[in-house]
């Protein structure tokens, strides 16, 4: 697929990119992801142990491939049970990318410059890697809390999506002459996991309902700028990510509300209190209300505490 296409070809290019992504980065195409150099790993007996296996895998591509394999195995009822396995405080990682404070992360001005677009894609690639880790951590860390099978179905499915997103963005970086790890990256993305590691309800309040919801606010603008730069290849990948992130927010909210129902607490007030307690930042406006509404996440939740 060409990096630059005429503006009137965007719809066809987007459709082509969607087909390509779903043909090449799904759990059903695992044979193409494992080679002699990267052999197919053996899986443990339980889902929780497999989640820890993924968290303990340092190489980002290997982690993503393993995530797809775990997802397929779970969806085919290959694990004996959810089981138990406590993850480490932080997931394994390679020496690159160098982690730095947000102010030192390369700026992401989106235009026809390859440097600006690769900086954006690198930052998103880093976010998607952390999203993979957050999925497996929530599966392994909170097994002591009885949850329906649907909870695990959802988070395994989200891990599968995030793994595909990471691989899609890694591939695009390489097409543009870069790679994941070539630039410095945000050092604070695991902070939300650390501060909520003892509270499943707080984890759900912060990760899908603040962090992923923020992605719904900012991604459409990135897509528009990439289209303006005629980088339809990259914009189409972000379009896929955006659509799937809507479902992630919706799933997180659903399980948050289930826990509130169990405890007899009101979801909106409970969410606001947890955000004010655990989230180190503000719930920033402007909001993509249309995207949030598609995730069944109305402004009644976030409007009253916006920009505090």
C-alpha atoms as a PDB file:
ATOM      1  CA  UNK A   1       0.000   0.000   0.000  1.00  0.00           C
ATOM      2  CA  UNK A   2       1.428   3.354  -0.996  1.00  0.00           C
ATOM      3  CA  UNK A   3       2.269   5.853   1.709  1.00  0.00           C
ATOM      4  CA  UNK A   4       0.624   8.719  -0.206  1.00  0.00           C
ATOM      5  CA  UNK A   5      -2.636   8.348  -2.097  1.00  0.00           C
ATOM      6  CA  UNK A   6      -4.980  10.865  -3.736  1.00  0.00           C
ATOM      7  CA  UNK A   7      -7.458  12.261  -1.243  1.00  0.00           C
ATOM      8  CA  UNK A   8     -10.428  10.721  -3.031  1.00  0.00           C
ATOM      9  CA  UNK A   9      -8.931   7.243  -2.579  1.00  0.00           C
ATOM     10  CA  UNK A  10      -9.191   7.354   1.207  1.00  0.00           C
ATOM     11  CA  UNK A  11     -12.330   5.250   1.548  1.00  0.00           C
ATOM     12  CA  UNK A  12     -10.979   2.442  -0.613  1.00  0.00           C
ATOM     13  CA  UNK A  13      -7.594   2.621   1.096  1.00  0.00           C
ATOM     14  CA  UNK A  14      -9.257   2.409   4.511  1.00  0.00           C
ATOM     15  CA  UNK A  15     -11.284  -0.634   3.470  1.00  0.00           C
ATOM     16  CA  UNK A  16      -8.160  -2.244   2.070  1.00  0.00           C
ATOM     17  CA  UNK A  17      -6.224  -1.543   5.265  1.00  0.00           C
ATOM     18  CA  UNK A  18      -9.001  -2.967   7.433  1.00  0.00           C
ATOM     19  CA  UNK A  19      -9.034  -6.207   5.419  1.00  0.00           C
ATOM     20  CA  UNK A  20      -5.264  -6.388   5.500  1.00  0.00           C
ATOM     21  CA  UNK A  21      -5.052  -5.881   9.277  1.00  0.00           C
ATOM     22  CA  UNK A  22      -7.690  -8.445  10.063  1.00  0.00           C
ATOM     23  CA  UNK A  23      -6.207 -10.948   7.618  1.00  0.00           C
ATOM     24  CA  UNK A  24      -2.670 -10.629   8.932  1.00  0.00           C
ATOM     25  CA  UNK A  25      -2.903  -9.896  12.645  1.00  0.00           C
ATOM     26  CA  UNK A  26      -5.540 -12.204  14.085  1.00  0.00           C
ATOM     27  CA  UNK A  27      -5.274 -15.205  16.359  1.00  0.00           C
ATOM     28  CA  UNK A  28      -6.320 -17.347  13.379  1.00  0.00           C
ATOM     29  CA  UNK A  29      -3.144 -16.456  11.461  1.00  0.00           C
ATOM     30  CA  UNK A  30      -0.650 -17.644  14.062  1.00  0.00           C
ATOM     31  CA  UNK A  31       1.231 -19.842  11.620  1.00  0.00           C
ATOM     32  CA  UNK A  32       2.582 -16.680   9.986  1.00  0.00           C
ATOM     33  CA  UNK A  33       3.722 -15.204  13.310  1.00  0.00           C
ATOM     34  CA  UNK A  34       5.980 -18.026  14.491  1.00  0.00           C
ATOM     35  CA  UNK A  35       9.118 -19.118  12.633  1.00  0.00           C
ATOM     36  CA  UNK A  36      12.332 -21.006  13.316  1.00  0.00           C
ATOM     37  CA  UNK A  37      13.794 -17.773  14.684  1.00  0.00           C
ATOM     38  CA  UNK A  38      10.724 -17.125  16.865  1.00  0.00           C
ATOM     39  CA  UNK A  39       9.291 -20.564  17.630  1.00  0.00           C
ATOM     40  CA  UNK A  40       5.797 -21.085  18.967  1.00  0.00           C
ATOM     41  CA  UNK A  41       6.008 -21.171  22.793  1.00  0.00           C
ATOM     42  CA  UNK A  42       4.444 -23.810  25.005  1.00  0.00           C
ATOM     43  CA  UNK A  43       1.535 -22.634  27.117  1.00  0.00           C
ATOM     44  CA  UNK A  44       0.890 -23.495  30.788  1.00  0.00           C
ATOM     45  CA  UNK A  45      -2.259 -25.189  32.049  1.00  0.00           C
ATOM     46  CA  UNK A  46      -4.138 -22.126  33.313  1.00  0.00           C
ATOM     47  CA  UNK A  47      -5.077 -18.727  31.959  1.00  0.00           C
ATOM     48  CA  UNK A  48      -3.565 -16.879  34.915  1.00  0.00           C
ATOM     49  CA  UNK A  49      -0.213 -18.623  34.418  1.00  0.00           C
ATOM     50  CA  UNK A  50      -0.336 -17.761  30.723  1.00  0.00           C
ATOM     51  CA  UNK A  51      -1.069 -14.129  31.594  1.00  0.00           C
ATOM     52  CA  UNK A  52       2.038 -14.041  33.783  1.00  0.00           C
ATOM     53  CA  UNK A  53       4.010 -15.719  30.986  1.00  0.00           C
ATOM     54  CA  UNK A  54       3.026 -12.850  28.695  1.00  0.00           C
ATOM     55  CA  UNK A  55       3.891 -10.235  31.337  1.00  0.00           C
ATOM     56  CA  UNK A  56       7.306 -11.853  31.823  1.00  0.00           C
ATOM     57  CA  UNK A  57       8.099 -11.732  28.089  1.00  0.00           C
ATOM     58  CA  UNK A  58      10.408  -8.773  27.516  1.00  0.00           C
ATOM     59  CA  UNK A  59      10.456  -8.454  23.721  1.00  0.00           C
ATOM     60  CA  UNK A  60       7.395  -6.520  22.604  1.00  0.00           C
ATOM     61  CA  UNK A  61       6.735  -8.461  19.400  1.00  0.00           C
ATOM     62  CA  UNK A  62       7.164 -11.785  21.174  1.00  0.00           C
ATOM     63  CA  UNK A  63       4.758 -10.572  23.862  1.00  0.00           C
ATOM     64  CA  UNK A  64       2.198  -9.599  21.221  1.00  0.00           C
ATOM     65  CA  UNK A  65       2.519 -12.897  19.352  1.00  0.00           C
ATOM     66  CA  UNK A  66       2.231 -14.831  22.603  1.00  0.00           C
ATOM     67  CA  UNK A  67      -0.869 -12.798  23.459  1.00  0.00           C
ATOM     68  CA  UNK A  68      -2.530 -13.852  20.215  1.00  0.00           C
ATOM     69  CA  UNK A  69      -1.644 -17.469  20.937  1.00  0.00           C
ATOM     70  CA  UNK A  70      -3.068 -17.276  24.477  1.00  0.00           C
ATOM     71  CA  UNK A  71      -6.251 -15.663  23.160  1.00  0.00           C
ATOM     72  CA  UNK A  72      -6.797 -18.414  20.600  1.00  0.00           C
ATOM     73  CA  UNK A  73      -6.124 -21.114  23.201  1.00  0.00           C
ATOM     74  CA  UNK A  74      -8.634 -19.544  25.628  1.00  0.00           C
ATOM     75  CA  UNK A  75     -11.269 -19.110  22.929  1.00  0.00           C
ATOM     76  CA  UNK A  76     -10.889 -22.799  22.027  1.00  0.00           C
ATOM     77  CA  UNK A  77     -11.292 -23.806  25.718  1.00  0.00           C
ATOM     78  CA  UNK A  78      -7.686 -24.977  25.810  1.00  0.00           C
ATOM     79  CA  UNK A  79      -6.947 -23.949  29.398  1.00  0.00           C
ATOM     80  CA  UNK A  80      -8.015 -26.210  32.254  1.00  0.00           C
ATOM     81  CA  UNK A  81      -9.211 -23.210  34.296  1.00  0.00           C
ATOM     82  CA  UNK A  82      -8.522 -19.563  35.071  1.00  0.00           C
ATOM     83  CA  UNK A  83      -6.288 -20.647  37.960  1.00  0.00           C
ATOM     84  CA  UNK A  84      -4.039 -18.403  40.027  1.00  0.00           C
ATOM     85  CA  UNK A  85      -0.632 -16.832  39.411  1.00  0.00           C
ATOM     86  CA  UNK A  86       0.564 -13.564  40.921  1.00  0.00           C
ATOM     87  CA  UNK A  87       2.348 -11.217  38.502  1.00  0.00           C
ATOM     88  CA  UNK A  88       5.404  -9.154  39.382  1.00  0.00           C
ATOM     89  CA  UNK A  89       4.973  -5.493  40.259  1.00  0.00           C
ATOM     90  CA  UNK A  90       6.078  -4.518  36.741  1.00  0.00           C
ATOM     91  CA  UNK A  91       6.147  -6.387  33.427  1.00  0.00           C
ATOM     92  CA  UNK A  92       9.427  -7.417  31.848  1.00  0.00           C
ATOM     93  CA  UNK A  93      10.834  -5.040  29.249  1.00  0.00           C
ATOM     94  CA  UNK A  94      13.890  -4.647  27.055  1.00  0.00           C
ATOM     95  CA  UNK A  95      16.461  -1.884  27.491  1.00  0.00           C
ATOM     96  CA  UNK A  96      14.856   0.045  24.637  1.00  0.00           C
ATOM     97  CA  UNK A  97      12.979   2.270  24.444  1.00  0.00           C
ATOM     98  CA  UNK A  98      14.625   4.524  26.997  1.00  0.00           C
ATOM     99  CA  UNK A  99      11.951   5.690  29.446  1.00  0.00           C
ATOM    100  CA  UNK A 100      11.920   9.423  30.173  1.00  0.00           C
ATOM    101  CA  UNK A 101       9.538  11.991  31.695  1.00  0.00           C
ATOM    102  CA  UNK A 102       6.725  13.023  29.315  1.00  0.00           C
ATOM    103  CA  UNK A 103       8.316  16.407  28.585  1.00  0.00           C
ATOM    104  CA  UNK A 104      11.344  14.641  27.068  1.00  0.00           C
ATOM    105  CA  UNK A 105       9.388  12.354  24.735  1.00  0.00           C
ATOM    106  CA  UNK A 106       9.923  13.383  21.061  1.00  0.00           C
ATOM    107  CA  UNK A 107       7.256  15.836  19.912  1.00  0.00           C
ATOM    108  CA  UNK A 108       4.606  14.463  17.598  1.00  0.00           C
ATOM    109  CA  UNK A 109       3.805  17.161  15.035  1.00  0.00           C
ATOM    110  CA  UNK A 110       1.808  15.332  12.368  1.00  0.00           C
ATOM    111  CA  UNK A 111       2.551  16.473   8.806  1.00  0.00           C
ATOM    112  CA  UNK A 112       4.231  15.160   5.689  1.00  0.00           C
ATOM    113  CA  UNK A 113       7.502  14.879   7.573  1.00  0.00           C
ATOM    114  CA  UNK A 114       8.357  11.221   8.196  1.00  0.00           C
ATOM    115  CA  UNK A 115      10.047  12.206  11.465  1.00  0.00           C
ATOM    116  CA  UNK A 116       6.868  13.661  12.907  1.00  0.00           C
ATOM    117  CA  UNK A 117       4.712  10.732  11.881  1.00  0.00           C
ATOM    118  CA  UNK A 118       7.160   8.135  13.166  1.00  0.00           C
ATOM    119  CA  UNK A 119       7.334   9.964  16.507  1.00  0.00           C
ATOM    120  CA  UNK A 120       3.540   9.762  16.753  1.00  0.00           C
ATOM    121  CA  UNK A 121       3.427   6.104  15.771  1.00  0.00           C
ATOM    122  CA  UNK A 122       6.231   5.240  18.180  1.00  0.00           C
ATOM    123  CA  UNK A 123       4.348   6.854  21.056  1.00  0.00           C
ATOM    124  CA  UNK A 124       1.175   4.969  20.125  1.00  0.00           C
ATOM    125  CA  UNK A 125       3.110   1.727  19.757  1.00  0.00           C
ATOM    126  CA  UNK A 126       4.406   2.206  23.302  1.00  0.00           C
ATOM    127  CA  UNK A 127       0.879   2.838  24.593  1.00  0.00           C
ATOM    128  CA  UNK A 128      -0.414  -0.315  22.910  1.00  0.00           C
ATOM    129  CA  UNK A 129       2.372  -2.363  24.500  1.00  0.00           C
ATOM    130  CA  UNK A 130       1.354  -1.112  27.919  1.00  0.00           C
ATOM    131  CA  UNK A 131      -2.252  -1.885  27.054  1.00  0.00           C
ATOM    132  CA  UNK A 132      -1.277  -5.524  26.431  1.00  0.00           C
ATOM    133  CA  UNK A 133       0.410  -5.644  29.830  1.00  0.00           C
ATOM    134  CA  UNK A 134      -2.570  -4.055  31.562  1.00  0.00           C
ATOM    135  CA  UNK A 135      -4.894  -6.709  30.135  1.00  0.00           C
ATOM    136  CA  UNK A 136      -2.813  -9.629  31.339  1.00  0.00           C
ATOM    137  CA  UNK A 137      -2.198  -7.975  34.696  1.00  0.00           C
ATOM    138  CA  UNK A 138      -5.917  -7.502  35.394  1.00  0.00           C
ATOM    139  CA  UNK A 139      -6.512 -11.160  34.500  1.00  0.00           C
ATOM    140  CA  UNK A 140      -3.761 -12.543  36.751  1.00  0.00           C
ATOM    141  CA  UNK A 141      -3.771 -10.087  39.650  1.00  0.00           C
ATOM    142  CA  UNK A 142      -7.431 -10.239  40.679  1.00  0.00           C
ATOM    143  CA  UNK A 143      -8.283 -13.947  40.459  1.00  0.00           C
ATOM    144  CA  UNK A 144      -9.188 -13.956  44.173  1.00  0.00           C
ATOM    145  CA  UNK A 145     -12.272 -11.894  43.282  1.00  0.00           C
ATOM    146  CA  UNK A 146     -14.990 -14.165  41.834  1.00  0.00           C
ATOM    147  CA  UNK A 147     -15.838 -12.922  38.355  1.00  0.00           C
ATOM    148  CA  UNK A 148     -17.973 -14.467  35.608  1.00  0.00           C
ATOM    149  CA  UNK A 149     -16.308 -16.187  32.664  1.00  0.00           C
ATOM    150  CA  UNK A 150     -17.425 -13.248  30.553  1.00  0.00           C
ATOM    151  CA  UNK A 151     -14.997 -11.018  32.442  1.00  0.00           C
ATOM    152  CA  UNK A 152     -12.091 -13.181  31.303  1.00  0.00           C
ATOM    153  CA  UNK A 153     -13.541 -13.506  27.800  1.00  0.00           C
ATOM    154  CA  UNK A 154     -13.600  -9.720  27.545  1.00  0.00           C
ATOM    155  CA  UNK A 155     -10.090  -9.095  28.832  1.00  0.00           C
ATOM    156  CA  UNK A 156      -8.559 -11.871  26.751  1.00  0.00           C
ATOM    157  CA  UNK A 157     -10.317 -10.375  23.730  1.00  0.00           C
ATOM    158  CA  UNK A 158      -9.011  -6.918  24.562  1.00  0.00           C
ATOM    159  CA  UNK A 159      -5.482  -8.307  24.968  1.00  0.00           C
ATOM    160  CA  UNK A 160      -5.841  -9.859  21.515  1.00  0.00           C
ATOM    161  CA  UNK A 161      -6.878  -6.486  20.070  1.00  0.00           C
ATOM    162  CA  UNK A 162      -4.025  -4.622  21.776  1.00  0.00           C
ATOM    163  CA  UNK A 163      -1.499  -7.189  20.577  1.00  0.00           C
ATOM    164  CA  UNK A 164      -2.728  -6.753  17.027  1.00  0.00           C
ATOM    165  CA  UNK A 165      -2.577  -2.979  17.385  1.00  0.00           C
ATOM    166  CA  UNK A 166       1.032  -3.149  18.603  1.00  0.00           C
ATOM    167  CA  UNK A 167       2.090  -5.384  15.718  1.00  0.00           C
ATOM    168  CA  UNK A 168       0.286  -3.173  13.196  1.00  0.00           C
ATOM    169  CA  UNK A 169       2.106  -0.112  14.470  1.00  0.00           C
ATOM    170  CA  UNK A 170       5.473  -1.900  14.685  1.00  0.00           C
ATOM    171  CA  UNK A 171       5.122  -2.902  11.061  1.00  0.00           C
ATOM    172  CA  UNK A 172       4.216   0.633   9.997  1.00  0.00           C
ATOM    173  CA  UNK A 173       7.189   2.087  11.892  1.00  0.00           C
ATOM    174  CA  UNK A 174       9.476  -0.305  10.031  1.00  0.00           C
ATOM    175  CA  UNK A 175       7.916   0.634   6.696  1.00  0.00           C
ATOM    176  CA  UNK A 176       8.763   4.259   7.513  1.00  0.00           C
ATOM    177  CA  UNK A 177      12.378   3.381   8.312  1.00  0.00           C
ATOM    178  CA  UNK A 178      12.161   3.259  12.083  1.00  0.00           C
ATOM    179  CA  UNK A 179      11.328   0.653  14.751  1.00  0.00           C
ATOM    180  CA  UNK A 180       9.815   0.397  18.196  1.00  0.00           C
ATOM    181  CA  UNK A 181      12.545   1.275  20.694  1.00  0.00           C
ATOM    182  CA  UNK A 182      14.304   3.745  18.418  1.00  0.00           C
ATOM    183  CA  UNK A 183      12.992   6.744  20.400  1.00  0.00           C
ATOM    184  CA  UNK A 184      12.517   7.623  24.029  1.00  0.00           C
ATOM    185  CA  UNK A 185       9.093   6.857  25.514  1.00  0.00           C
ATOM    186  CA  UNK A 186       6.825   7.929  28.377  1.00  0.00           C
ATOM    187  CA  UNK A 187       7.993   6.576  31.747  1.00  0.00           C
ATOM    188  CA  UNK A 188       4.680   6.865  33.605  1.00  0.00           C
ATOM    189  CA  UNK A 189       2.297   4.579  31.755  1.00  0.00           C
ATOM    190  CA  UNK A 190       2.510   1.770  34.328  1.00  0.00           C
ATOM    191  CA  UNK A 191       1.650   4.171  37.137  1.00  0.00           C
ATOM    192  CA  UNK A 192      -2.089   3.526  36.830  1.00  0.00           C
ATOM    193  CA  UNK A 193      -1.511  -0.207  37.303  1.00  0.00           C
ATOM    194  CA  UNK A 194       0.725   0.308  40.307  1.00  0.00           C
ATOM    195  CA  UNK A 195      -1.638   2.557  42.263  1.00  0.00           C
ATOM    196  CA  UNK A 196      -4.644   0.283  41.627  1.00  0.00           C
ATOM    197  CA  UNK A 197      -2.974  -3.101  42.138  1.00  0.00           C
ATOM    198  CA  UNK A 198      -5.008  -3.816  45.290  1.00  0.00           C
ATOM    199  CA  UNK A 199      -8.404  -2.649  43.991  1.00  0.00           C
ATOM    200  CA  UNK A 200     -10.104  -4.134  40.935  1.00  0.00           C
ATOM    201  CA  UNK A 201     -12.856  -1.523  40.937  1.00  0.00           C
ATOM    202  CA  UNK A 202     -10.260   1.258  40.935  1.00  0.00           C
ATOM    203  CA  UNK A 203      -8.345  -0.458  38.126  1.00  0.00           C
ATOM    204  CA  UNK A 204     -11.489  -0.563  36.003  1.00  0.00           C
ATOM    205  CA  UNK A 205     -12.305   3.040  36.871  1.00  0.00           C
ATOM    206  CA  UNK A 206      -8.890   4.298  35.760  1.00  0.00           C
ATOM    207  CA  UNK A 207      -7.638   2.133  32.898  1.00  0.00           C
ATOM    208  CA  UNK A 208     -10.598   1.708  30.528  1.00  0.00           C
ATOM    209  CA  UNK A 209     -12.742   4.574  31.817  1.00  0.00           C
ATOM    210  CA  UNK A 210     -10.055   7.289  31.983  1.00  0.00           C
ATOM    211  CA  UNK A 211      -7.021   6.238  29.944  1.00  0.00           C
ATOM    212  CA  UNK A 212      -8.734   4.414  27.083  1.00  0.00           C
ATOM    213  CA  UNK A 213     -11.575   6.915  27.059  1.00  0.00           C
ATOM    214  CA  UNK A 214      -8.985   9.651  26.571  1.00  0.00           C
ATOM    215  CA  UNK A 215      -7.845   7.781  23.485  1.00  0.00           C
ATOM    216  CA  UNK A 216     -11.356   8.176  22.086  1.00  0.00           C
ATOM    217  CA  UNK A 217     -10.979  11.947  22.492  1.00  0.00           C
ATOM    218  CA  UNK A 218      -7.626  12.368  20.751  1.00  0.00           C
ATOM    219  CA  UNK A 219      -7.481   9.649  18.092  1.00  0.00           C
ATOM    220  CA  UNK A 220      -9.944  11.208  15.598  1.00  0.00           C
ATOM    221  CA  UNK A 221      -7.781  14.327  15.420  1.00  0.00           C
ATOM    222  CA  UNK A 222      -4.691  12.227  14.739  1.00  0.00           C
ATOM    223  CA  UNK A 223      -6.527  10.388  11.979  1.00  0.00           C
ATOM    224  CA  UNK A 224      -7.564  13.676  10.351  1.00  0.00           C
ATOM    225  CA  UNK A 225      -4.001  15.005  10.409  1.00  0.00           C
ATOM    226  CA  UNK A 226      -2.613  11.803   8.928  1.00  0.00           C
ATOM    227  CA  UNK A 227      -5.225  11.991   6.179  1.00  0.00           C
ATOM    228  CA  UNK A 228      -4.241  15.609   5.512  1.00  0.00           C
ATOM    229  CA  UNK A 229      -0.644  14.423   5.164  1.00  0.00           C
ATOM    230  CA  UNK A 230      -1.903  11.737   2.754  1.00  0.00           C
ATOM    231  CA  UNK A 231      -0.567   8.983   4.989  1.00  0.00           C
ATOM    232  CA  UNK A 232      -3.634   6.815   4.470  1.00  0.00           C
ATOM    233  CA  UNK A 233      -1.753   3.688   5.488  1.00  0.00           C
ATOM    234  CA  UNK A 234      -1.151   5.007   9.001  1.00  0.00           C
ATOM    235  CA  UNK A 235      -4.547   6.694   9.355  1.00  0.00           C
ATOM    236  CA  UNK A 236      -6.356   3.491   8.433  1.00  0.00           C
ATOM    237  CA  UNK A 237      -4.543   1.614  11.188  1.00  0.00           C
ATOM    238  CA  UNK A 238      -5.557   4.256  13.716  1.00  0.00           C
ATOM    239  CA  UNK A 239      -9.115   4.037  12.424  1.00  0.00           C
ATOM    240  CA  UNK A 240      -9.158   0.313  13.251  1.00  0.00           C
ATOM    241  CA  UNK A 241      -7.699   1.013  16.692  1.00  0.00           C
ATOM    242  CA  UNK A 242     -10.274   3.717  17.393  1.00  0.00           C
ATOM    243  CA  UNK A 243     -13.238   1.484  16.563  1.00  0.00           C
ATOM    244  CA  UNK A 244     -11.952  -1.290  18.802  1.00  0.00           C
ATOM    245  CA  UNK A 245     -11.083   1.032  21.683  1.00  0.00           C
ATOM    246  CA  UNK A 246     -14.755   2.046  21.869  1.00  0.00           C
ATOM    247  CA  UNK A 247     -15.582  -1.556  22.736  1.00  0.00           C
ATOM    248  CA  UNK A 248     -12.797  -1.645  25.337  1.00  0.00           C
ATOM    249  CA  UNK A 249     -14.221   1.338  27.192  1.00  0.00           C
ATOM    250  CA  UNK A 250     -17.686  -0.211  27.083  1.00  0.00           C
ATOM    251  CA  UNK A 251     -16.433  -3.535  28.455  1.00  0.00           C
ATOM    252  CA  UNK A 252     -14.500  -1.903  31.269  1.00  0.00           C
ATOM    253  CA  UNK A 253     -17.518   0.166  32.279  1.00  0.00           C
ATOM    254  CA  UNK A 254     -19.730  -2.914  32.266  1.00  0.00           C
ATOM    255  CA  UNK A 255     -17.552  -4.759  34.773  1.00  0.00           C
ATOM    256  CA  UNK A 256     -17.097  -1.625  36.878  1.00  0.00           C
ATOM    257  CA  UNK A 257     -20.865  -1.337  37.163  1.00  0.00           C
ATOM    258  CA  UNK A 258     -21.174  -5.018  38.074  1.00  0.00           C
ATOM    259  CA  UNK A 259     -18.819  -4.485  41.015  1.00  0.00           C
ATOM    260  CA  UNK A 260     -20.780  -1.407  42.075  1.00  0.00           C
ATOM    261  CA  UNK A 261     -23.989  -3.436  41.923  1.00  0.00           C
ATOM    262  CA  UNK A 262     -22.439  -6.134  44.106  1.00  0.00           C
ATOM    263  CA  UNK A 263     -21.430  -3.567  46.701  1.00  0.00           C
ATOM    264  CA  UNK A 264     -24.633  -1.556  46.512  1.00  0.00           C
ATOM    265  CA  UNK A 265     -22.857   1.651  45.461  1.00  0.00           C
ATOM    266  CA  UNK A 266     -23.953   4.225  42.889  1.00  0.00           C
ATOM    267  CA  UNK A 267     -21.682   3.935  39.804  1.00  0.00           C
ATOM    268  CA  UNK A 268     -21.284   7.593  38.836  1.00  0.00           C
ATOM    269  CA  UNK A 269     -20.441   8.896  42.293  1.00  0.00           C
ATOM    270  CA  UNK A 270     -18.205   5.886  42.979  1.00  0.00           C
ATOM    271  CA  UNK A 271     -16.303   6.376  39.715  1.00  0.00           C
ATOM    272  CA  UNK A 272     -15.752  10.064  40.390  1.00  0.00           C
ATOM    273  CA  UNK A 273     -14.412   9.375  43.889  1.00  0.00           C
ATOM    274  CA  UNK A 274     -12.046   6.696  42.625  1.00  0.00           C
ATOM    275  CA  UNK A 275     -10.744   8.934  39.832  1.00  0.00           C
ATOM    276  CA  UNK A 276     -10.111  11.796  42.246  1.00  0.00           C
ATOM    277  CA  UNK A 277      -8.293   9.396  44.600  1.00  0.00           C
ATOM    278  CA  UNK A 278      -6.204   7.333  42.191  1.00  0.00           C
ATOM    279  CA  UNK A 279      -5.712   9.248  38.951  1.00  0.00           C
ATOM    280  CA  UNK A 280      -2.686  11.541  38.979  1.00  0.00           C
ATOM    281  CA  UNK A 281      -3.939  14.114  36.546  1.00  0.00           C
ATOM    282  CA  UNK A 282      -7.181  15.652  35.396  1.00  0.00           C
ATOM    283  CA  UNK A 283      -9.957  14.256  33.244  1.00  0.00           C
ATOM    284  CA  UNK A 284      -9.228  16.562  30.337  1.00  0.00           C
ATOM    285  CA  UNK A 285     -11.670  18.206  27.989  1.00  0.00           C
ATOM    286  CA  UNK A 286     -12.588  18.595  25.176  1.00  0.00           C
ATOM    287  CA  UNK A 287     -14.377  15.260  24.962  1.00  0.00           C
ATOM    288  CA  UNK A 288     -15.401  13.174  21.991  1.00  0.00           C
ATOM    289  CA  UNK A 289     -18.923  12.823  23.317  1.00  0.00           C
ATOM    290  CA  UNK A 290     -20.074  10.860  20.261  1.00  0.00           C
ATOM    291  CA  UNK A 291     -17.343   8.246  20.729  1.00  0.00           C
ATOM    292  CA  UNK A 292     -17.896   8.054  24.471  1.00  0.00           C
ATOM    293  CA  UNK A 293     -21.630   7.657  23.964  1.00  0.00           C
ATOM    294  CA  UNK A 294     -20.968   4.757  21.596  1.00  0.00           C
ATOM    295  CA  UNK A 295     -19.099   3.167  24.514  1.00  0.00           C
ATOM    296  CA  UNK A 296     -22.163   3.728  26.726  1.00  0.00           C
ATOM    297  CA  UNK A 297     -20.113   6.185  28.781  1.00  0.00           C
ATOM    298  CA  UNK A 298     -22.296   9.286  29.186  1.00  0.00           C
ATOM    299  CA  UNK A 299     -21.133  12.746  30.189  1.00  0.00           C
ATOM    300  CA  UNK A 300     -22.899  12.374  33.557  1.00  0.00           C
ATOM    301  CA  UNK A 301     -19.805  10.433  34.660  1.00  0.00           C
ATOM    302  CA  UNK A 302     -16.975  12.670  33.557  1.00  0.00           C
ATOM    303  CA  UNK A 303     -18.528  16.095  32.949  1.00  0.00           C
ATOM    304  CA  UNK A 304     -18.761  17.163  36.614  1.00  0.00           C
ATOM    305  CA  UNK A 305     -15.064  16.447  37.300  1.00  0.00           C
ATOM    306  CA  UNK A 306     -13.613  17.629  33.988  1.00  0.00           C
ATOM    307  CA  UNK A 307     -10.389  19.683  34.210  1.00  0.00           C
ATOM    308  CA  UNK A 308     -10.343  19.719  38.036  1.00  0.00           C
END
